[in-house]
N, C-alpha and C. Protein backbone atom coordinates (compact mmCIF):
# COMPACT_ATOMS: atom_id res chain seq x y z
N UNK A 1 53.32 80.64 111.81
CA UNK A 1 53.79 81.81 112.43
C UNK A 1 53.92 82.31 113.62
N UNK A 2 53.15 81.86 114.83
CA UNK A 2 53.56 81.96 116.24
C UNK A 2 55.04 82.02 116.60
N UNK A 3 55.53 81.25 116.31
CA UNK A 3 56.83 80.29 116.39
C UNK A 3 57.70 81.40 116.05
N UNK A 4 57.80 82.02 114.85
CA UNK A 4 58.31 82.58 114.47
C UNK A 4 58.18 84.12 114.61
N UNK A 5 57.38 84.56 115.07
CA UNK A 5 57.24 85.85 115.50
C UNK A 5 57.72 86.07 117.05
N UNK A 6 57.79 84.67 117.22
CA UNK A 6 58.00 84.75 119.32
C UNK A 6 59.45 84.94 118.87
N UNK A 7 60.40 84.26 118.11
CA UNK A 7 61.80 83.94 117.65
C UNK A 7 62.30 85.78 117.68
N UNK A 8 61.67 85.90 116.68
CA UNK A 8 61.87 87.43 115.76
C UNK A 8 61.90 88.37 117.07
N UNK A 9 60.90 88.75 117.89
CA UNK A 9 60.78 89.04 119.25
C UNK A 9 61.74 88.92 120.54
N UNK A 10 62.08 87.76 120.42
CA UNK A 10 63.59 87.43 121.02
C UNK A 10 64.52 88.19 121.01
N UNK A 11 64.79 87.50 119.73
CA UNK A 11 66.33 88.63 118.48
C UNK A 11 65.59 90.20 118.81
N UNK A 12 64.65 90.40 118.88
CA UNK A 12 64.68 91.83 119.19
C UNK A 12 64.78 92.54 120.72
N UNK A 13 64.44 91.48 121.15
CA UNK A 13 65.06 91.44 122.94
C UNK A 13 66.97 91.56 122.81
N UNK A 14 66.99 90.67 122.67
CA UNK A 14 68.76 90.39 122.79
C UNK A 14 69.47 91.63 121.82
N UNK A 15 69.16 92.13 121.17
CA UNK A 15 69.43 92.87 120.34
C UNK A 15 69.54 94.41 120.66
N UNK A 16 68.72 94.51 122.02
CA UNK A 16 68.42 95.56 122.12
C UNK A 16 68.80 96.05 123.52
N UNK A 17 69.52 95.01 123.99
CA UNK A 17 69.96 94.58 125.57
C UNK A 17 71.27 95.96 125.54
N UNK A 18 72.20 95.45 124.59
CA UNK A 18 73.81 96.56 124.82
C UNK A 18 73.06 98.48 124.62
N UNK A 19 72.15 98.11 123.74
CA UNK A 19 71.40 99.52 123.54
C UNK A 19 71.19 100.13 124.61
N UNK A 20 70.46 99.31 125.71
CA UNK A 20 69.67 99.93 126.78
C UNK A 20 71.18 100.16 127.29
N UNK A 21 71.59 99.22 128.04
CA UNK A 21 72.90 98.97 129.18
C UNK A 21 74.08 99.90 129.07
N UNK A 22 74.91 99.98 127.82
CA UNK A 22 75.40 100.78 127.94
C UNK A 22 75.94 101.64 126.70
N UNK A 23 75.02 102.53 126.23
CA UNK A 23 74.49 103.07 124.85
C UNK A 23 76.02 104.08 124.45
N UNK A 24 76.60 104.37 125.29
CA UNK A 24 77.92 105.19 125.05
C UNK A 24 78.88 104.32 124.67
N UNK A 25 79.25 102.90 124.98
CA UNK A 25 80.15 101.78 124.06
C UNK A 25 79.59 101.28 123.05
N UNK A 26 78.10 101.45 122.61
CA UNK A 26 77.01 101.00 121.64
C UNK A 26 77.94 101.85 120.59
N UNK A 27 77.89 103.50 120.57
CA UNK A 27 78.34 104.37 119.59
C UNK A 27 79.75 104.03 119.42
N UNK A 28 80.13 104.06 120.26
CA UNK A 28 81.91 103.50 120.11
C UNK A 28 81.87 102.15 119.00
N UNK A 29 81.54 100.94 118.85
CA UNK A 29 81.12 100.29 118.50
C UNK A 29 80.71 100.35 117.00
N UNK A 30 79.89 101.21 116.84
CA UNK A 30 79.35 101.42 115.57
C UNK A 30 80.09 102.24 114.80
N UNK A 31 81.34 103.46 115.62
CA UNK A 31 81.80 103.99 115.07
C UNK A 31 83.23 103.16 114.13
N UNK A 32 83.65 102.22 115.43
CA UNK A 32 84.33 101.41 114.05
C UNK A 32 83.91 100.18 113.25
N UNK A 33 82.59 99.81 112.92
CA UNK A 33 82.54 98.91 112.24
C UNK A 33 82.54 100.26 110.87
N UNK A 34 82.19 100.77 111.59
CA UNK A 34 81.77 102.08 110.00
C UNK A 34 83.60 102.05 109.04
N UNK A 35 84.65 102.20 110.34
CA UNK A 35 85.42 102.10 109.43
C UNK A 35 86.04 100.19 108.67
N UNK A 36 86.01 99.45 109.17
CA UNK A 36 85.56 98.24 108.82
C UNK A 36 85.80 98.45 107.01
N UNK A 37 86.83 98.07 106.66
CA UNK A 37 85.99 97.33 105.39
C UNK A 37 85.30 96.59 104.70
N UNK A 38 83.99 96.97 103.45
CA UNK A 38 83.25 95.81 103.86
C UNK A 38 83.15 94.35 103.99
N UNK A 39 84.12 93.78 103.34
CA UNK A 39 84.96 92.29 103.28
C UNK A 39 84.65 91.73 104.82
N UNK A 40 85.57 92.71 105.44
CA UNK A 40 85.44 91.72 106.82
C UNK A 40 83.74 92.09 107.47
N UNK A 41 82.79 93.00 106.77
CA UNK A 41 81.71 93.01 107.59
C UNK A 41 80.94 92.13 107.23
N UNK A 42 80.88 91.14 106.24
CA UNK A 42 80.13 90.44 105.29
C UNK A 42 80.76 89.12 105.48
N UNK A 43 82.35 88.83 106.42
CA UNK A 43 82.96 87.74 106.75
C UNK A 43 82.04 87.47 108.36
N UNK A 44 82.36 88.76 109.10
CA UNK A 44 81.45 88.28 110.70
C UNK A 44 80.36 88.66 110.70
N UNK A 45 79.35 88.72 109.38
CA UNK A 45 78.20 88.50 109.66
C UNK A 45 77.74 86.93 108.88
N UNK A 46 78.53 86.41 107.96
CA UNK A 46 78.31 85.04 107.54
C UNK A 46 78.58 84.02 108.45
N UNK A 47 79.55 84.36 109.58
CA UNK A 47 79.78 84.09 110.71
C UNK A 47 78.56 83.81 111.59
N UNK A 48 78.33 84.67 111.60
CA UNK A 48 77.16 84.70 112.60
C UNK A 48 76.25 84.07 112.27
N UNK A 49 75.97 84.07 111.25
CA UNK A 49 74.86 83.61 110.33
C UNK A 49 75.31 82.05 110.53
N UNK A 50 76.19 81.84 110.41
CA UNK A 50 76.90 79.84 110.25
C UNK A 50 76.36 79.85 112.27
N UNK A 51 77.01 80.19 113.00
CA UNK A 51 77.02 80.02 114.04
C UNK A 51 75.01 80.04 114.38
N UNK A 52 74.50 80.72 114.04
CA UNK A 52 73.38 80.65 114.85
C UNK A 52 72.56 79.66 113.49
N UNK A 53 72.58 79.20 112.73
CA UNK A 53 72.45 78.34 112.08
C UNK A 53 72.40 77.14 112.68
N UNK A 54 73.92 76.80 113.06
CA UNK A 54 74.05 75.77 113.94
C UNK A 54 73.40 75.46 115.11
N UNK A 55 73.46 76.49 115.64
CA UNK A 55 72.57 76.61 117.44
C UNK A 55 71.12 75.98 116.89
N UNK A 56 70.61 76.64 116.35
CA UNK A 56 69.37 76.52 115.75
C UNK A 56 69.16 74.85 115.45
N UNK A 57 70.22 74.32 114.46
CA UNK A 57 70.31 72.86 113.93
C UNK A 57 69.92 72.02 115.71
N UNK A 58 71.51 72.56 116.55
CA UNK A 58 71.75 71.62 117.45
C UNK A 58 70.30 71.54 118.61
N UNK A 59 69.25 72.81 118.67
CA UNK A 59 68.46 72.85 119.75
C UNK A 59 67.30 72.28 118.93
N UNK A 60 67.37 71.72 117.97
CA UNK A 60 66.03 70.99 116.78
C UNK A 60 66.62 69.37 117.44
N UNK A 61 67.66 69.10 117.76
CA UNK A 61 67.76 67.61 118.41
C UNK A 61 69.09 67.13 117.58
N UNK A 62 69.52 68.28 116.75
CA UNK A 62 70.66 67.51 115.87
C UNK A 62 70.43 66.76 115.11
N UNK A 63 71.73 66.14 115.19
CA UNK A 63 71.79 64.26 114.17
C UNK A 63 71.25 63.32 115.17
N UNK A 64 70.56 62.61 114.66
CA UNK A 64 70.21 60.99 115.43
C UNK A 64 71.15 60.02 114.89
N UNK A 65 71.98 59.61 115.53
CA UNK A 65 72.35 58.31 115.23
C UNK A 65 71.86 56.67 115.66
N UNK A 66 71.06 56.81 115.94
CA UNK A 66 69.83 55.52 115.93
C UNK A 66 69.83 55.41 114.73
């Protein structure tokens, strides 16, 4: 549970960086996201989740061929 909470905390830190650093640009990005069709956002979200899972898999050692 400690590791899970640490991961959630790091995600929040990383997600918060753009809002802190360039809030005006984030407002523009949110407006553009609102104009996108739902299926485009779903595909984008799915790709991000897949990339995240691959990163976790590789960080945990990936496939051992020994």
